C-alpha atoms as a PDB file:
ATOM      1  CA  UNK A   1      54.137-157.397  96.357  1.00  0.00           C
ATOM      2  CA  UNK A   2      57.454-157.646  94.358  1.00  0.00           C
ATOM      3  CA  UNK A   3      56.139-160.400  92.190  1.00  0.00           C
ATOM      4  CA  UNK A   4      53.184-158.551  91.286  1.00  0.00           C
ATOM      5  CA  UNK A   5      55.161-155.387  90.302  1.00  0.00           C
ATOM      6  CA  UNK A   6      57.283-157.713  88.144  1.00  0.00           C
ATOM      7  CA  UNK A   7      54.078-159.145  86.368  1.00  0.00           C
ATOM      8  CA  UNK A   8      52.500-155.716  85.918  1.00  0.00           C
ATOM      9  CA  UNK A   9      55.877-154.308  84.469  1.00  0.00           C
ATOM     10  CA  UNK A  10      56.428-157.554  82.028  1.00  0.00           C
ATOM     11  CA  UNK A  11      52.749-157.236  80.845  1.00  0.00           C
ATOM     12  CA  UNK A  12      53.021-153.361  80.098  1.00  0.00           C
ATOM     13  CA  UNK A  13      56.068-153.824  78.228  1.00  0.00           C
ATOM     14  CA  UNK A  14      54.439-156.537  75.810  1.00  0.00           C
ATOM     15  CA  UNK A  15      51.602-154.624  75.512  1.00  0.00           C
ATOM     16  CA  UNK A  16      53.505-151.763  74.387  1.00  0.00           C
ATOM     17  CA  UNK A  17      55.647-153.876  71.671  1.00  0.00           C
ATOM     18  CA  UNK A  18      52.896-154.117  69.190  1.00  0.00           C
ATOM     19  CA  UNK A  19      52.046-150.191  69.387  1.00  0.00           C
ATOM     20  CA  UNK A  20      55.686-149.770  68.824  1.00  0.00           C
ATOM     21  CA  UNK A  21      56.132-151.939  66.000  1.00  0.00           C
ATOM     22  CA  UNK A  22      52.778-150.595  64.313  1.00  0.00           C
ATOM     23  CA  UNK A  23      54.221-147.068  64.359  1.00  0.00           C
ATOM     24  CA  UNK A  24      57.233-148.143  62.741  1.00  0.00           C
ATOM     25  CA  UNK A  25      55.357-150.002  60.214  1.00  0.00           C
ATOM     26  CA  UNK A  26      53.004-147.028  59.626  1.00  0.00           C
ATOM     27  CA  UNK A  27      56.235-144.712  59.393  1.00  0.00           C
ATOM     28  CA  UNK A  28      57.380-147.272  56.558  1.00  0.00           C
ATOM     29  CA  UNK A  29      54.289-147.335  54.887  1.00  0.00           C
ATOM     30  CA  UNK A  30      53.920-143.457  54.501  1.00  0.00           C
ATOM     31  CA  UNK A  31      57.594-143.568  53.275  1.00  0.00           C
ATOM     32  CA  UNK A  32      56.831-146.110  50.752  1.00  0.00           C
ATOM     33  CA  UNK A  33      53.824-144.245  49.394  1.00  0.00           C
ATOM     34  CA  UNK A  34      55.698-140.986  49.226  1.00  0.00           C
ATOM     35  CA  UNK A  35      58.465-142.682  47.371  1.00  0.00           C
ATOM     36  CA  UNK A  36      56.174-144.643  44.739  1.00  0.00           C
ATOM     37  CA  UNK A  37      54.192-141.352  43.928  1.00  0.00           C
ATOM     38  CA  UNK A  38      57.445-139.355  43.626  1.00  0.00           C
ATOM     39  CA  UNK A  39      59.035-141.826  41.256  1.00  0.00           C
ATOM     40  CA  UNK A  40      55.818-141.746  39.170  1.00  0.00           C
ATOM     41  CA  UNK A  41      55.666-137.841  39.277  1.00  0.00           C
ATOM     42  CA  UNK A  42      59.282-137.854  38.277  1.00  0.00           C
ATOM     43  CA  UNK A  43      59.079-140.098  35.329  1.00  0.00           C
ATOM     44  CA  UNK A  44      56.285-137.874  34.030  1.00  0.00           C
ATOM     45  CA  UNK A  45      58.248-134.751  34.528  1.00  0.00           C
ATOM     46  CA  UNK A  46      61.296-136.336  32.956  1.00  0.00           C
ATOM     47  CA  UNK A  47      59.023-137.460  30.032  1.00  0.00           C
ATOM     48  CA  UNK A  48      57.530-133.949  29.518  1.00  0.00           C
ATOM     49  CA  UNK A  49      61.370-132.511  29.876  1.00  0.00           C
ATOM     50  CA  UNK A  50      62.294-134.770  26.833  1.00  0.00           C
ATOM     51  CA  UNK A  51      64.840-136.567  29.074  1.00  0.00           C
ATOM     52  CA  UNK A  52      63.173-139.891  28.722  1.00  0.00           C
ATOM     53  CA  UNK A  53      62.078-141.404  25.047  1.00  0.00           C
ATOM     54  CA  UNK A  54      58.579-142.630  25.176  1.00  0.00           C
ATOM     55  CA  UNK A  55      59.265-146.287  25.484  1.00  0.00           C
ATOM     56  CA  UNK A  56      61.779-145.613  28.350  1.00  0.00           C
ATOM     57  CA  UNK A  57      58.914-143.699  30.422  1.00  0.00           C
ATOM     58  CA  UNK A  58      56.285-146.459  29.464  1.00  0.00           C
ATOM     59  CA  UNK A  59      58.480-149.127  30.687  1.00  0.00           C
ATOM     60  CA  UNK A  60      59.363-146.966  34.147  1.00  0.00           C
ATOM     61  CA  UNK A  61      55.704-146.365  34.559  1.00  0.00           C
ATOM     62  CA  UNK A  62      54.775-149.915  34.009  1.00  0.00           C
ATOM     63  CA  UNK A  63      57.302-151.349  36.429  1.00  0.00           C
ATOM     64  CA  UNK A  64      56.092-148.508  39.143  1.00  0.00           C
ATOM     65  CA  UNK A  65      52.539-149.469  38.704  1.00  0.00           C
ATOM     66  CA  UNK A  66      53.637-153.169  39.069  1.00  0.00           C
ATOM     67  CA  UNK A  67      55.244-152.443  41.973  1.00  0.00           C
ATOM     68  CA  UNK A  68      52.291-150.361  43.542  1.00  0.00           C
ATOM     69  CA  UNK A  69      49.759-153.054  42.760  1.00  0.00           C
ATOM     70  CA  UNK A  70      51.967-156.254  43.835  1.00  0.00           C
ATOM     71  CA  UNK A  71      52.655-154.481  47.273  1.00  0.00           C
ATOM     72  CA  UNK A  72      49.622-152.800  47.783  1.00  0.00           C
ATOM     73  CA  UNK A  73      51.462-149.786  49.013  1.00  0.00           C
ATOM     74  CA  UNK A  74      49.322-148.320  51.751  1.00  0.00           C
ATOM     75  CA  UNK A  75      45.958-147.626  50.532  1.00  0.00           C
ATOM     76  CA  UNK A  76      47.082-146.614  47.266  1.00  0.00           C
ATOM     77  CA  UNK A  77      44.656-147.692  44.663  1.00  0.00           C
ATOM     78  CA  UNK A  78      46.306-147.816  41.267  1.00  0.00           C
ATOM     79  CA  UNK A  79      43.526-145.895  39.992  1.00  0.00           C
ATOM     80  CA  UNK A  80      44.188-143.008  42.334  1.00  0.00           C
ATOM     81  CA  UNK A  81      47.733-143.141  41.749  1.00  0.00           C
ATOM     82  CA  UNK A  82      47.119-142.877  37.804  1.00  0.00           C
ATOM     83  CA  UNK A  83      44.681-139.823  38.460  1.00  0.00           C
ATOM     84  CA  UNK A  84      47.109-137.970  40.649  1.00  0.00           C
ATOM     85  CA  UNK A  85      49.981-138.493  38.471  1.00  0.00           C
ATOM     86  CA  UNK A  86      48.082-137.333  35.367  1.00  0.00           C
ATOM     87  CA  UNK A  87      46.191-134.450  37.188  1.00  0.00           C
ATOM     88  CA  UNK A  88      49.651-133.171  38.077  1.00  0.00           C
ATOM     89  CA  UNK A  89      51.384-133.793  34.524  1.00  0.00           C
ATOM     90  CA  UNK A  90      48.400-134.323  31.814  1.00  0.00           C
ATOM     91  CA  UNK A  91      51.233-134.907  29.099  1.00  0.00           C
ATOM     92  CA  UNK A  92      52.246-138.218  30.808  1.00  0.00           C
ATOM     93  CA  UNK A  93      48.985-139.581  29.135  1.00  0.00           C
ATOM     94  CA  UNK A  94      50.835-140.160  25.769  1.00  0.00           C
ATOM     95  CA  UNK A  95      52.934-142.804  27.703  1.00  0.00           C
ATOM     96  CA  UNK A  96      50.933-144.280  30.466  1.00  0.00           C
ATOM     97  CA  UNK A  97      50.836-147.901  29.960  1.00  0.00           C
ATOM     98  CA  UNK A  98      47.359-149.333  29.501  1.00  0.00           C
ATOM     99  CA  UNK A  99      48.409-153.008  30.777  1.00  0.00           C
ATOM    100  CA  UNK A 100      50.802-153.869  33.381  1.00  0.00           C
ATOM    101  CA  UNK A 101      51.971-157.027  32.222  1.00  0.00           C
ATOM    102  CA  UNK A 102      55.744-157.175  32.087  1.00  0.00           C
ATOM    103  CA  UNK A 103      55.934-158.857  28.789  1.00  0.00           C
ATOM    104  CA  UNK A 104      53.830-156.014  26.950  1.00  0.00           C
END
């Protein structure tokens, strides 16, 4: 009987671990998603306030979009990110990079 209980306890621990890891990864994904969108919004806002020069803002946006595209953060699609940022701050369209190549 004890052996059976030990097997059941070990099995339940093994099956519970992936769900714990999954929730931790989901939390990290949500954090990264919010962080990426937040930096995009901040860059556009700082440009609008005149705190960033156009080339600085363009370079920052390019790097952020490369990061989002490369890491496929959550379900963020590059077009969705762009639409959300420009809806929040339409003036950012003036510095939005057309291409995301680092060499541009």
